[in-house]
PDB file of N, CA and C in Angstrom:
ATOM      1  N   MET A   1     125.328 132.716 102.027  1.00  0.00           N
ATOM      2  CA  MET A   1     124.679 131.640 101.318  1.00  0.00           C
ATOM      3  C   MET A   1     123.230 132.014 101.057  1.00  0.00           C
ATOM      4  N   SER A   2     122.735 131.673  99.915  1.00  0.00           N
ATOM      5  CA  SER A   2     121.360 132.030  99.585  1.00  0.00           C
ATOM      6  C   SER A   2     120.420 130.869  99.885  1.00  0.00           C
ATOM      7  N   GLN A   3     119.176 131.224 100.159  1.00  0.00           N
ATOM      8  CA  GLN A   3     118.146 130.227 100.414  1.00  0.00           C
ATOM      9  C   GLN A   3     117.666 129.630  99.097  1.00  0.00           C
ATOM     10  N   ALA A   4     117.334 128.382  99.127  1.00  0.00           N
ATOM     11  CA  ALA A   4     116.766 127.744  97.944  1.00  0.00           C
ATOM     12  C   ALA A   4     115.340 128.237  97.755  1.00  0.00           C
ATOM     13  N   ASN A   5     114.992 128.486  96.533  1.00  0.00           N
ATOM     14  CA  ASN A   5     113.630 128.918  96.226  1.00  0.00           C
ATOM     15  C   ASN A   5     112.796 127.710  95.833  1.00  0.00           C
ATOM     16  N   ILE A   6     111.802 127.446  96.643  1.00  0.00           N
ATOM     17  CA  ILE A   6     110.900 126.336  96.363  1.00  0.00           C
ATOM     18  C   ILE A   6     109.598 126.930  95.852  1.00  0.00           C
ATOM     19  N   PRO A   7     109.175 126.537  94.667  1.00  0.00           N
ATOM     20  CA  PRO A   7     107.930 127.106  94.145  1.00  0.00           C
ATOM     21  C   PRO A   7     106.732 126.667  94.976  1.00  0.00           C
ATOM     22  N   ASN A   8     105.741 127.527  95.021  1.00  0.00           N
ATOM     23  CA  ASN A   8     104.516 127.221  95.744  1.00  0.00           C
ATOM     24  C   ASN A   8     103.687 126.243  94.913  1.00  0.00           C
ATOM     25  N   ILE A   9     103.595 125.035  95.401  1.00  0.00           N
ATOM     26  CA  ILE A   9     102.849 124.000  94.687  1.00  0.00           C
ATOM     27  C   ILE A   9     101.623 123.660  95.518  1.00  0.00           C
ATOM     28  N   THR A  10     100.487 124.000  95.011  1.00  0.00           N
ATOM     29  CA  THR A  10      99.242 123.671  95.705  1.00  0.00           C
ATOM     30  C   THR A  10      98.286 123.012  94.714  1.00  0.00           C
ATOM     31  N   PRO A  11      98.478 121.725  94.491  1.00  0.00           N
ATOM     32  CA  PRO A  11      97.574 121.057  93.551  1.00  0.00           C
ATOM     33  C   PRO A  11      96.181 120.933  94.156  1.00  0.00           C
ATOM     34  N   THR A  12      95.211 121.124  93.339  1.00  0.00           N
ATOM     35  CA  THR A  12      93.836 120.942  93.797  1.00  0.00           C
ATOM     36  C   THR A  12      93.259 119.733  93.073  1.00  0.00           C
ATOM     37  N   ILE A  13      93.055 118.706  93.845  1.00  0.00           N
ATOM     38  CA  ILE A  13      92.512 117.469  93.298  1.00  0.00           C
ATOM     39  C   ILE A  13      91.218 117.180  94.045  1.00  0.00           C
ATOM     40  N   ALA A  14      90.167 117.048  93.321  1.00  0.00           N
ATOM     41  CA  ALA A  14      88.878 116.751  93.939  1.00  0.00           C
ATOM     42  C   ALA A  14      88.541 115.287  93.681  1.00  0.00           C
ATOM     43  N   VAL A  15      88.724 114.482  94.708  1.00  0.00           N
ATOM     44  CA  VAL A  15      88.420 113.058  94.606  1.00  0.00           C
ATOM     45  C   VAL A  15      87.444 112.720  95.721  1.00  0.00           C
ATOM     46  N   THR A  16      86.360 112.101  95.354  1.00  0.00           N
ATOM     47  CA  THR A  16      85.371 111.704  96.359  1.00  0.00           C
ATOM     48  C   THR A  16      85.860 110.451  97.089  1.00  0.00           C
ATOM     49  N   PRO A  17      85.309 110.176  98.268  1.00  0.00           N
ATOM     50  CA  PRO A  17      85.698 108.938  98.959  1.00  0.00           C
ATOM     51  C   PRO A  17      85.464 107.691  98.109  1.00  0.00           C
ATOM     52  N   GLY A  18      84.372 107.662  97.365  1.00  0.00           N
ATOM     53  CA  GLY A  18      84.100 106.509  96.501  1.00  0.00           C
ATOM     54  C   GLY A  18      85.132 106.363  95.406  1.00  0.00           C
ATOM     55  N   GLN A  19      85.543 107.494  94.822  1.00  0.00           N
ATOM     56  CA  GLN A  19      86.571 107.453  93.783  1.00  0.00           C
ATOM     57  C   GLN A  19      87.915 107.015  94.357  1.00  0.00           C
ATOM     58  N   SER A  20      88.219 107.475  95.571  1.00  0.00           N
ATOM     59  CA  SER A  20      89.503 107.082  96.163  1.00  0.00           C
ATOM     60  C   SER A  20      89.539 105.586  96.445  1.00  0.00           C
ATOM     61  N   ILE A  21      88.414 105.033  96.882  1.00  0.00           N
ATOM     62  CA  ILE A  21      88.354 103.584  97.113  1.00  0.00           C
ATOM     63  C   ILE A  21      88.523 102.836  95.795  1.00  0.00           C
ATOM     64  N   SER A  22      87.879 103.330  94.744  1.00  0.00           N
ATOM     65  CA  SER A  22      88.030 102.696  93.428  1.00  0.00           C
ATOM     66  C   SER A  22      89.474 102.761  92.950  1.00  0.00           C
ATOM     67  N   LEU A  23      90.139 103.883  93.186  1.00  0.00           N
ATOM     68  CA  LEU A  23      91.542 104.020  92.784  1.00  0.00           C
ATOM     69  C   LEU A  23      92.439 103.057  93.557  1.00  0.00           C
ATOM     70  N   ILE A  24      92.170 102.894  94.844  1.00  0.00           N
ATOM     71  CA  ILE A  24      92.980 101.972  95.652  1.00  0.00           C
ATOM     72  C   ILE A  24      92.779 100.536  95.177  1.00  0.00           C
ATOM     73  N   VAL A  25      91.531 100.155  94.925  1.00  0.00           N
ATOM     74  CA  VAL A  25      91.254  98.793  94.444  1.00  0.00           C
ATOM     75  C   VAL A  25      91.902  98.577  93.075  1.00  0.00           C
ATOM     76  N   ALA A  26      91.853  99.591  92.215  1.00  0.00           N
ATOM     77  CA  ALA A  26      92.499  99.473  90.903  1.00  0.00           C
ATOM     78  C   ALA A  26      94.005  99.318  91.049  1.00  0.00           C
ATOM     79  N   SER A  27      94.601 100.041  92.001  1.00  0.00           N
ATOM     80  CA  SER A  27      96.050  99.906  92.198  1.00  0.00           C
ATOM     81  C   SER A  27      96.404  98.513  92.709  1.00  0.00           C
ATOM     82  N   ILE A  28      95.554  97.953  93.572  1.00  0.00           N
ATOM     83  CA  ILE A  28      95.773  96.584  94.053  1.00  0.00           C
ATOM     84  C   ILE A  28      95.693  95.606  92.885  1.00  0.00           C
ATOM     85  N   ALA A  29      94.707  95.804  92.014  1.00  0.00           N
ATOM     86  CA  ALA A  29      94.548  94.914  90.857  1.00  0.00           C
ATOM     87  C   ALA A  29      95.759  94.991  89.934  1.00  0.00           C
ATOM     88  N   LEU A  30      96.293  96.191  89.727  1.00  0.00           N
ATOM     89  CA  LEU A  30      97.472  96.331  88.864  1.00  0.00           C
ATOM     90  C   LEU A  30      98.698  95.670  89.486  1.00  0.00           C
ATOM     91  N   GLU A  31      98.834  95.783  90.803  1.00  0.00           N
ATOM     92  CA  GLU A  31      99.949  95.101  91.469  1.00  0.00           C
ATOM     93  C   GLU A  31      99.799  93.588  91.361  1.00  0.00           C
ATOM     94  N   GLU A  32      98.574  93.100  91.485  1.00  0.00           N
ATOM     95  CA  GLU A  32      98.326  91.661  91.335  1.00  0.00           C
ATOM     96  C   GLU A  32      98.690  91.199  89.929  1.00  0.00           C
ATOM     97  N   LEU A  33      98.360  92.008  88.933  1.00  0.00           N
ATOM     98  CA  LEU A  33      98.708  91.674  87.552  1.00  0.00           C
ATOM     99  C   LEU A  33     100.223  91.613  87.374  1.00  0.00           C
ATOM    100  N   ALA A  34     100.927  92.561  87.969  1.00  0.00           N
ATOM    101  CA  ALA A  34     102.387  92.561  87.884  1.00  0.00           C
ATOM    102  C   ALA A  34     102.966  91.314  88.547  1.00  0.00           C
ATOM    103  N   LEU A  35     102.412  90.921  89.690  1.00  0.00           N
ATOM    104  CA  LEU A  35     102.889  89.714  90.368  1.00  0.00           C
ATOM    105  C   LEU A  35     102.601  88.470  89.533  1.00  0.00           C
ATOM    106  N   ALA A  36     101.479  88.456  88.842  1.00  0.00           N
ATOM    107  CA  ALA A  36     101.167  87.323  87.960  1.00  0.00           C
ATOM    108  C   ALA A  36     102.194  87.213  86.842  1.00  0.00           C
ATOM    109  N   HIS A  37     102.630  88.347  86.315  1.00  0.00           N
ATOM    110  CA  HIS A  37     103.661  88.327  85.268  1.00  0.00           C
ATOM    111  C   HIS A  37     104.989  87.805  85.820  1.00  0.00           C
ATOM    112  N   ILE A  38     105.302  88.176  87.050  1.00  0.00           N
ATOM    113  CA  ILE A  38     106.543  87.687  87.670  1.00  0.00           C
ATOM    114  C   ILE A  38     106.477  86.174  87.845  1.00  0.00           C
ATOM    115  N   ILE A  39     105.346  85.672  88.341  1.00  0.00           N
ATOM    116  CA  ILE A  39     105.189  84.223  88.521  1.00  0.00           C
ATOM    117  C   ILE A  39     105.297  83.507  87.178  1.00  0.00           C
ATOM    118  N   ASN A  40     104.691  84.072  86.146  1.00  0.00           N
ATOM    119  CA  ASN A  40     104.762  83.469  84.815  1.00  0.00           C
ATOM    120  C   ASN A  40     106.201  83.434  84.304  1.00  0.00           C
ATOM    121  N   SER A  41     106.952  84.491  84.540  1.00  0.00           N
ATOM    122  CA  SER A  41     108.343  84.496  84.067  1.00  0.00           C
ATOM    123  C   SER A  41     109.186  83.472  84.819  1.00  0.00           C
ATOM    124  N   GLU A  42     108.881  83.246  86.083  1.00  0.00           N
ATOM    125  CA  GLU A  42     109.595  82.213  86.838  1.00  0.00           C
ATOM    126  C   GLU A  42     109.272  80.830  86.268  1.00  0.00           C
ATOM    127  N   ALA A  43     108.019  80.618  85.909  1.00  0.00           N
ATOM    128  CA  ALA A  43     107.635  79.339  85.294  1.00  0.00           C
ATOM    129  C   ALA A  43     108.351  79.143  83.963  1.00  0.00           C
ATOM    130  N   GLU A  44     108.489  80.220  83.197  1.00  0.00           N
ATOM    131  CA  GLU A  44     109.187  80.115  81.912  1.00  0.00           C
ATOM    132  C   GLU A  44     110.675  79.837  82.100  1.00  0.00           C
ATOM    133  N   LYS A  45     111.269  80.349  83.175  1.00  0.00           N
ATOM    134  CA  LYS A  45     112.675  80.022  83.454  1.00  0.00           C
ATOM    135  C   LYS A  45     112.833  78.521  83.677  1.00  0.00           C
ATOM    136  N   ILE A  46     111.910  77.943  84.432  1.00  0.00           N
ATOM    137  CA  ILE A  46     111.967  76.500  84.689  1.00  0.00           C
ATOM    138  C   ILE A  46     111.761  75.727  83.389  1.00  0.00           C
ATOM    139  N   GLN A  47     110.761  76.143  82.608  1.00  0.00           N
ATOM    140  CA  GLN A  47     110.487  75.464  81.334  1.00  0.00           C
ATOM    141  C   GLN A  47     111.680  75.558  80.394  1.00  0.00           C
ATOM    142  N   PHE A  48     112.352  76.699  80.377  1.00  0.00           N
ATOM    143  CA  PHE A  48     113.507  76.855  79.493  1.00  0.00           C
ATOM    144  C   PHE A  48     114.618  75.892  79.889  1.00  0.00           C
ATOM    145  N   LEU A  49     114.915  75.830  81.189  1.00  0.00           N
ATOM    146  CA  LEU A  49     115.996  74.951  81.630  1.00  0.00           C
ATOM    147  C   LEU A  49     115.662  73.486  81.359  1.00  0.00           C
ATOM    148  N   LEU A  50     114.395  73.127  81.491  1.00  0.00           N
ATOM    149  CA  LEU A  50     114.000  71.738  81.249  1.00  0.00           C
ATOM    150  C   LEU A  50     113.821  71.433  79.768  1.00  0.00           C
ATOM    151  N   GLY A  51     113.863  72.474  78.927  1.00  0.00           N
ATOM    152  CA  GLY A  51     113.745  72.270  77.491  1.00  0.00           C
ATOM    153  C   GLY A  51     112.321  72.139  76.998  1.00  0.00           C
ATOM    154  N   THR A  52     111.348  72.528  77.809  1.00  0.00           N
ATOM    155  CA  THR A  52     109.947  72.416  77.391  1.00  0.00           C
ATOM    156  C   THR A  52     109.372  73.736  76.886  1.00  0.00           C
ATOM    157  N   LEU A  53     110.166  74.788  76.886  1.00  0.00           N
ATOM    158  CA  LEU A  53     109.714  76.085  76.382  1.00  0.00           C
ATOM    159  C   LEU A  53     110.186  76.230  74.945  1.00  0.00           C
ATOM    160  N   ASN A  54     109.263  76.464  74.044  1.00  0.00           N
ATOM    161  CA  ASN A  54     109.602  76.567  72.626  1.00  0.00           C
ATOM    162  C   ASN A  54     110.091  77.974  72.300  1.00  0.00           C
ATOM    163  N   THR A  55     111.401  78.186  72.420  1.00  0.00           N
ATOM    164  CA  THR A  55     111.965  79.499  72.108  1.00  0.00           C
ATOM    165  C   THR A  55     112.844  79.455  70.875  1.00  0.00           C
ATOM    166  N   GLY A  56     113.179  78.269  70.406  1.00  0.00           N
ATOM    167  CA  GLY A  56     114.098  78.145  69.282  1.00  0.00           C
ATOM    168  C   GLY A  56     115.550  78.185  69.715  1.00  0.00           C
ATOM    169  N   VAL A  57     115.783  78.383  71.004  1.00  0.00           N
ATOM    170  CA  VAL A  57     117.138  78.412  71.551  1.00  0.00           C
ATOM    171  C   VAL A  57     117.352  77.130  72.338  1.00  0.00           C
ATOM    172  N   THR A  58     118.486  76.515  72.119  1.00  0.00           N
ATOM    173  CA  THR A  58     118.804  75.285  72.842  1.00  0.00           C
ATOM    174  C   THR A  58     119.204  75.631  74.273  1.00  0.00           C
ATOM    175  N   PRO A  59     118.514  75.056  75.258  1.00  0.00           N
ATOM    176  CA  PRO A  59     118.864  75.357  76.651  1.00  0.00           C
ATOM    177  C   PRO A  59     120.175  74.686  77.034  1.00  0.00           C
ATOM    178  N   PRO A  60     120.795  75.168  78.099  1.00  0.00           N
ATOM    179  CA  PRO A  60     122.010  74.500  78.567  1.00  0.00           C
ATOM    180  C   PRO A  60     121.667  73.094  79.052  1.00  0.00           C
ATOM    181  N   PRO A  61     122.657  72.234  79.126  1.00  0.00           N
ATOM    182  CA  PRO A  61     122.377  70.872  79.601  1.00  0.00           C
ATOM    183  C   PRO A  61     121.848  70.902  81.037  1.00  0.00           C
ATOM    184  N   VAL A  62     120.886  70.027  81.295  1.00  0.00           N
ATOM    185  CA  VAL A  62     120.298  69.970  82.632  1.00  0.00           C
ATOM    186  C   VAL A  62     121.245  69.202  83.538  1.00  0.00           C
ATOM    187  N   THR A  63     121.751  69.906  84.533  1.00  0.00           N
ATOM    188  CA  THR A  63     122.620  69.276  85.525  1.00  0.00           C
ATOM    189  C   THR A  63     122.047  69.569  86.902  1.00  0.00           C
ATOM    190  N   LEU A  64     122.462  68.788  87.860  1.00  0.00           N
ATOM    191  CA  LEU A  64     121.983  68.999  89.222  1.00  0.00           C
ATOM    192  C   LEU A  64     122.359  70.385  89.739  1.00  0.00           C
ATOM    193  N   PRO A  65     123.599  70.849  89.552  1.00  0.00           N
ATOM    194  CA  PRO A  65     123.918  72.209  90.021  1.00  0.00           C
ATOM    195  C   PRO A  65     123.043  73.281  89.362  1.00  0.00           C
ATOM    196  N   ASN A  66     122.782  73.138  88.049  1.00  0.00           N
ATOM    197  CA  ASN A  66     121.908  74.106  87.370  1.00  0.00           C
ATOM    198  C   ASN A  66     120.496  74.089  87.957  1.00  0.00           C
ATOM    199  N   LEU A  67     119.989  72.890  88.212  1.00  0.00           N
ATOM    200  CA  LEU A  67     118.651  72.781  88.792  1.00  0.00           C
ATOM    201  C   LEU A  67     118.591  73.383  90.192  1.00  0.00           C
ATOM    202  N   LEU A  68     119.627  73.158  90.987  1.00  0.00           N
ATOM    203  CA  LEU A  68     119.647  73.697  92.348  1.00  0.00           C
ATOM    204  C   LEU A  68     119.736  75.222  92.344  1.00  0.00           C
ATOM    205  N   ILE A  69     120.534  75.763  91.445  1.00  0.00           N
ATOM    206  CA  ILE A  69     120.644  77.222  91.334  1.00  0.00           C
ATOM    207  C   ILE A  69     119.300  77.812  90.917  1.00  0.00           C
ATOM    208  N   LEU A  70     118.682  77.199  89.918  1.00  0.00           N
ATOM    209  CA  LEU A  70     117.379  77.678  89.459  1.00  0.00           C
ATOM    210  C   LEU A  70     116.336  77.551  90.562  1.00  0.00           C
ATOM    211  N   ASN A  71     116.333  76.433  91.256  1.00  0.00           N
ATOM    212  CA  ASN A  71     115.372  76.218  92.333  1.00  0.00           C
ATOM    213  C   ASN A  71     115.511  77.294  93.405  1.00  0.00           C
ATOM    214  N   ASN A  72     116.739  77.618  93.780  1.00  0.00           N
ATOM    215  CA  ASN A  72     116.970  78.638  94.799  1.00  0.00           C
ATOM    216  C   ASN A  72     116.479  80.002  94.321  1.00  0.00           C
ATOM    217  N   SER A  73     116.760  80.324  93.072  1.00  0.00           N
ATOM    218  CA  SER A  73     116.332  81.603  92.510  1.00  0.00           C
ATOM    219  C   SER A  73     114.809  81.720  92.478  1.00  0.00           C
ATOM    220  N   VAL A  74     114.143  80.676  92.014  1.00  0.00           N
ATOM    221  CA  VAL A  74     112.678  80.686  91.934  1.00  0.00           C
ATOM    222  C   VAL A  74     112.075  80.738  93.330  1.00  0.00           C
ATOM    223  N   ARG A  75     112.652  79.992  94.262  1.00  0.00           N
ATOM    224  CA  ARG A  75     112.147  79.987  95.639  1.00  0.00           C
ATOM    225  C   ARG A  75     112.222  81.378  96.252  1.00  0.00           C
ATOM    226  N   GLN A  76     113.359  82.063  96.082  1.00  0.00           N
ATOM    227  CA  GLN A  76     113.508  83.412  96.630  1.00  0.00           C
ATOM    228  C   GLN A  76     112.510  84.380  96.002  1.00  0.00           C
ATOM    229  N   THR A  77     112.340  84.277  94.701  1.00  0.00           N
ATOM    230  CA  THR A  77     111.399  85.161  94.013  1.00  0.00           C
ATOM    231  C   THR A  77     109.975  84.908  94.483  1.00  0.00           C
ATOM    232  N   LEU A  78     109.596  83.643  94.603  1.00  0.00           N
ATOM    233  CA  LEU A  78     108.239  83.326  95.041  1.00  0.00           C
ATOM    234  C   LEU A  78     108.001  83.738  96.490  1.00  0.00           C
ATOM    235  N   GLN A  79     109.026  83.654  97.331  1.00  0.00           N
ATOM    236  CA  GLN A  79     108.880  84.136  98.706  1.00  0.00           C
ATOM    237  C   GLN A  79     108.598  85.633  98.722  1.00  0.00           C
ATOM    238  N   THR A  80     109.296  86.375  97.885  1.00  0.00           N
ATOM    239  CA  THR A  80     109.073  87.815  97.793  1.00  0.00           C
ATOM    240  C   THR A  80     107.679  88.110  97.257  1.00  0.00           C
ATOM    241  N   VAL A  81     107.238  87.353  96.271  1.00  0.00           N
ATOM    242  CA  VAL A  81     105.888  87.531  95.717  1.00  0.00           C
ATOM    243  C   VAL A  81     104.841  87.248  96.790  1.00  0.00           C
ATOM    244  N   ILE A  82     105.037  86.204  97.569  1.00  0.00           N
ATOM    245  CA  ILE A  82     104.086  85.858  98.628  1.00  0.00           C
ATOM    246  C   ILE A  82     104.010  86.972  99.665  1.00  0.00           C
ATOM    247  N   LYS A  83     105.143  87.545 100.032  1.00  0.00           N
ATOM    248  CA  LYS A  83     105.144  88.666 100.981  1.00  0.00           C
ATOM    249  C   LYS A  83     104.345  89.837 100.427  1.00  0.00           C
ATOM    250  N   GLN A  84     104.548  90.135  99.166  1.00  0.00           N
ATOM    251  CA  GLN A  84     103.809  91.232  98.540  1.00  0.00           C
ATOM    252  C   GLN A  84     102.316  90.915  98.478  1.00  0.00           C
ATOM    253  N   GLU A  85     101.983  89.659  98.207  1.00  0.00           N
ATOM    254  CA  GLU A  85     100.576  89.247  98.186  1.00  0.00           C
ATOM    255  C   GLU A  85      99.922  89.463  99.553  1.00  0.00           C
ATOM    256  N   MET A  86     100.665  89.169 100.616  1.00  0.00           N
ATOM    257  CA  MET A  86     100.127  89.374 101.959  1.00  0.00           C
ATOM    258  C   MET A  86      99.860  90.853 102.216  1.00  0.00           C
ATOM    259  N   LEU A  87     100.778  91.710 101.798  1.00  0.00           N
ATOM    260  CA  LEU A  87     100.573  93.146 101.969  1.00  0.00           C
ATOM    261  C   LEU A  87      99.358  93.626 101.182  1.00  0.00           C
ATOM    262  N   LEU A  88      99.202  93.115  99.977  1.00  0.00           N
ATOM    263  CA  LEU A  88      98.042  93.492  99.172  1.00  0.00           C
ATOM    264  C   LEU A  88      96.746  92.995  99.809  1.00  0.00           C
ATOM    265  N   GLN A  89      96.790  91.825 100.415  1.00  0.00           N
ATOM    266  CA  GLN A  89      95.612  91.298 101.110  1.00  0.00           C
ATOM    267  C   GLN A  89      95.238  92.212 102.273  1.00  0.00           C
ATOM    268  N   PHE A  90      96.232  92.657 103.047  1.00  0.00           N
ATOM    269  CA  PHE A  90      95.966  93.579 104.150  1.00  0.00           C
ATOM    270  C   PHE A  90      95.366  94.886 103.630  1.00  0.00           C
ATOM    271  N   LYS A  91      95.920  95.380 102.538  1.00  0.00           N
ATOM    272  CA  LYS A  91      95.420  96.623 101.955  1.00  0.00           C
ATOM    273  C   LYS A  91      93.968  96.454 101.505  1.00  0.00           C
ATOM    274  N   LEU A  92      93.665  95.340 100.870  1.00  0.00           N
ATOM    275  CA  LEU A  92      92.299  95.086 100.416  1.00  0.00           C
ATOM    276  C   LEU A  92      91.345  94.942 101.599  1.00  0.00           C
ATOM    277  N   GLU A  93      91.776  94.268 102.654  1.00  0.00           N
ATOM    278  CA  GLU A  93      90.937  94.136 103.845  1.00  0.00           C
ATOM    279  C   GLU A  93      90.653  95.495 104.466  1.00  0.00           C
ATOM    280  N   ASN A  94      91.644  96.384 104.481  1.00  0.00           N
ATOM    281  CA  ASN A  94      91.430  97.732 105.002  1.00  0.00           C
ATOM    282  C   ASN A  94      90.405  98.486 104.166  1.00  0.00           C
ATOM    283  N   VAL A  95      90.482  98.340 102.860  1.00  0.00           N
ATOM    284  CA  VAL A  95      89.509  98.995 101.981  1.00  0.00           C
ATOM    285  C   VAL A  95      88.114  98.431 102.232  1.00  0.00           C
ATOM    286  N   LEU A  96      88.006  97.118 102.376  1.00  0.00           N
ATOM    287  CA  LEU A  96      86.700  96.508 102.642  1.00  0.00           C
ATOM    288  C   LEU A  96      86.134  96.979 103.975  1.00  0.00           C
ATOM    289  N   ASP A  97      87.003  97.157 104.974  1.00  0.00           N
ATOM    290  CA  ASP A  97      86.552  97.693 106.259  1.00  0.00           C
ATOM    291  C   ASP A  97      86.019  99.112 106.091  1.00  0.00           C
ATOM    292  N   LEU A  98      86.689  99.909 105.269  1.00  0.00           N
ATOM    293  CA  LEU A  98      86.223 101.276 105.016  1.00  0.00           C
ATOM    294  C   LEU A  98      84.860 101.282 104.346  1.00  0.00           C
ATOM    295  N   VAL A  99      84.684 100.398 103.395  1.00  0.00           N
ATOM    296  CA  VAL A  99      83.427 100.355 102.647  1.00  0.00           C
ATOM    297  C   VAL A  99      82.284  99.888 103.533  1.00  0.00           C
ATOM    298  N   SER A 100      82.549  98.934 104.412  1.00  0.00           N
ATOM    299  CA  SER A 100      81.473  98.341 105.205  1.00  0.00           C
ATOM    300  C   SER A 100      81.139  99.126 106.462  1.00  0.00           C
ATOM    301  N   SER A 101      82.018 100.037 106.897  1.00  0.00           N
ATOM    302  CA  SER A 101      81.734 100.783 108.118  1.00  0.00           C
ATOM    303  C   SER A 101      81.374 102.222 107.777  1.00  0.00           C
ATOM    304  N   PRO A 102      80.477 102.818 108.566  1.00  0.00           N
ATOM    305  CA  PRO A 102      80.140 104.220 108.318  1.00  0.00           C
ATOM    306  C   PRO A 102      81.326 105.109 108.675  1.00  0.00           C
ATOM    307  N   ILE A 103      81.482 106.177 107.934  1.00  0.00           N
ATOM    308  CA  ILE A 103      82.595 107.094 108.172  1.00  0.00           C
ATOM    309  C   ILE A 103      82.183 108.082 109.247  1.00  0.00           C
ATOM    310  N   THR A 104      82.906 108.060 110.374  1.00  0.00           N
ATOM    311  CA  THR A 104      82.654 109.005 111.452  1.00  0.00           C
ATOM    312  C   THR A 104      83.952 109.690 111.807  1.00  0.00           C
ATOM    313  N   SER A 105      83.835 110.869 112.298  1.00  0.00           N
ATOM    314  CA  SER A 105      85.009 111.619 112.724  1.00  0.00           C
ATOM    315  C   SER A 105      85.492 111.062 114.050  1.00  0.00           C
ATOM    316  N   PRO A 106      86.785 110.796 114.196  1.00  0.00           N
ATOM    317  CA  PRO A 106      87.280 110.262 115.469  1.00  0.00           C
ATOM    318  C   PRO A 106      87.058 111.240 116.612  1.00  0.00           C
ATOM    319  N   ILE A 107      87.131 112.531 116.344  1.00  0.00           N
ATOM    320  CA  ILE A 107      86.966 113.532 117.397  1.00  0.00           C
ATOM    321  C   ILE A 107      85.515 113.565 117.862  1.00  0.00           C
ATOM    322  N   SER A 108      84.575 113.548 116.939  1.00  0.00           N
ATOM    323  CA  SER A 108      83.168 113.601 117.336  1.00  0.00           C
ATOM    324  C   SER A 108      82.768 112.347 118.101  1.00  0.00           C
ATOM    325  N   SER A 109      83.337 111.202 117.755  1.00  0.00           N
ATOM    326  CA  SER A 109      82.979 109.980 118.474  1.00  0.00           C
ATOM    327  C   SER A 109      83.543 109.992 119.886  1.00  0.00           C
ATOM    328  N   VAL A 110      84.698 110.631 120.092  1.00  0.00           N
ATOM    329  CA  VAL A 110      85.275 110.738 121.437  1.00  0.00           C
ATOM    330  C   VAL A 110      84.472 111.730 122.253  1.00  0.00           C
ATOM    331  N   GLN A 111      84.063 112.845 121.647  1.00  0.00           N
ATOM    332  CA  GLN A 111      83.302 113.855 122.370  1.00  0.00           C
ATOM    333  C   GLN A 111      81.940 113.326 122.783  1.00  0.00           C
ATOM    334  N   ASN A 112      81.367 112.456 121.999  1.00  0.00           N
ATOM    335  CA  ASN A 112      80.048 111.916 122.314  1.00  0.00           C
ATOM    336  C   ASN A 112      80.101 110.768 123.308  1.00  0.00           C
ATOM    337  N   ASP A 113      81.266 110.225 123.568  1.00  0.00           N
ATOM    338  CA  ASP A 113      81.403 109.108 124.501  1.00  0.00           C
ATOM    339  C   ASP A 113      81.702 109.672 125.882  1.00  0.00           C
ATOM    340  N   GLU A 114      80.694 109.694 126.750  1.00  0.00           N
ATOM    341  CA  GLU A 114      80.855 110.294 128.074  1.00  0.00           C
ATOM    342  C   GLU A 114      81.779 109.470 128.957  1.00  0.00           C
ATOM    343  N   ASN A 115      81.892 108.187 128.720  1.00  0.00           N
ATOM    344  CA  ASN A 115      82.712 107.309 129.553  1.00  0.00           C
ATOM    345  C   ASN A 115      84.110 107.106 128.989  1.00  0.00           C
ATOM    346  N   TYR A 116      84.526 107.938 128.057  1.00  0.00           N
ATOM    347  CA  TYR A 116      85.806 107.734 127.380  1.00  0.00           C
ATOM    348  C   TYR A 116      86.987 107.802 128.340  1.00  0.00           C
ATOM    349  N   PHE A 117      86.957 108.748 129.293  1.00  0.00           N
ATOM    350  CA  PHE A 117      88.107 108.933 130.181  1.00  0.00           C
ATOM    351  C   PHE A 117      87.946 108.216 131.511  1.00  0.00           C
ATOM    352  N   GLU A 118      86.909 107.451 131.692  1.00  0.00           N
ATOM    353  CA  GLU A 118      86.712 106.768 132.974  1.00  0.00           C
ATOM    354  C   GLU A 118      87.405 105.448 133.026  1.00  0.00           C
TER     355      GLU A 118
END
């Protein structure tokens, strides 16, 4: 059997700490925008079923089973959105902690702490 040949991939990317923080914040903002679109589409689903969305298409008749199915679907989607929002909040808090604290090497801080092992 022959060995698989994996090409040598060594990308060189020069990103400063400030640029990396900006990229992380931008990625958080884009995820927030995507979540806003999801919330908007859920609102439009409700509006369509209630007949208040002007699409030119006649919605199905509003019945209790239809409303309950829609309610369950929207509830599940919003729960997932809320979970994602919490993760994004944690990510943003971590970035803010990085920005507000000085960057020190963990090894140098341990070596300088004489009482570390006591």
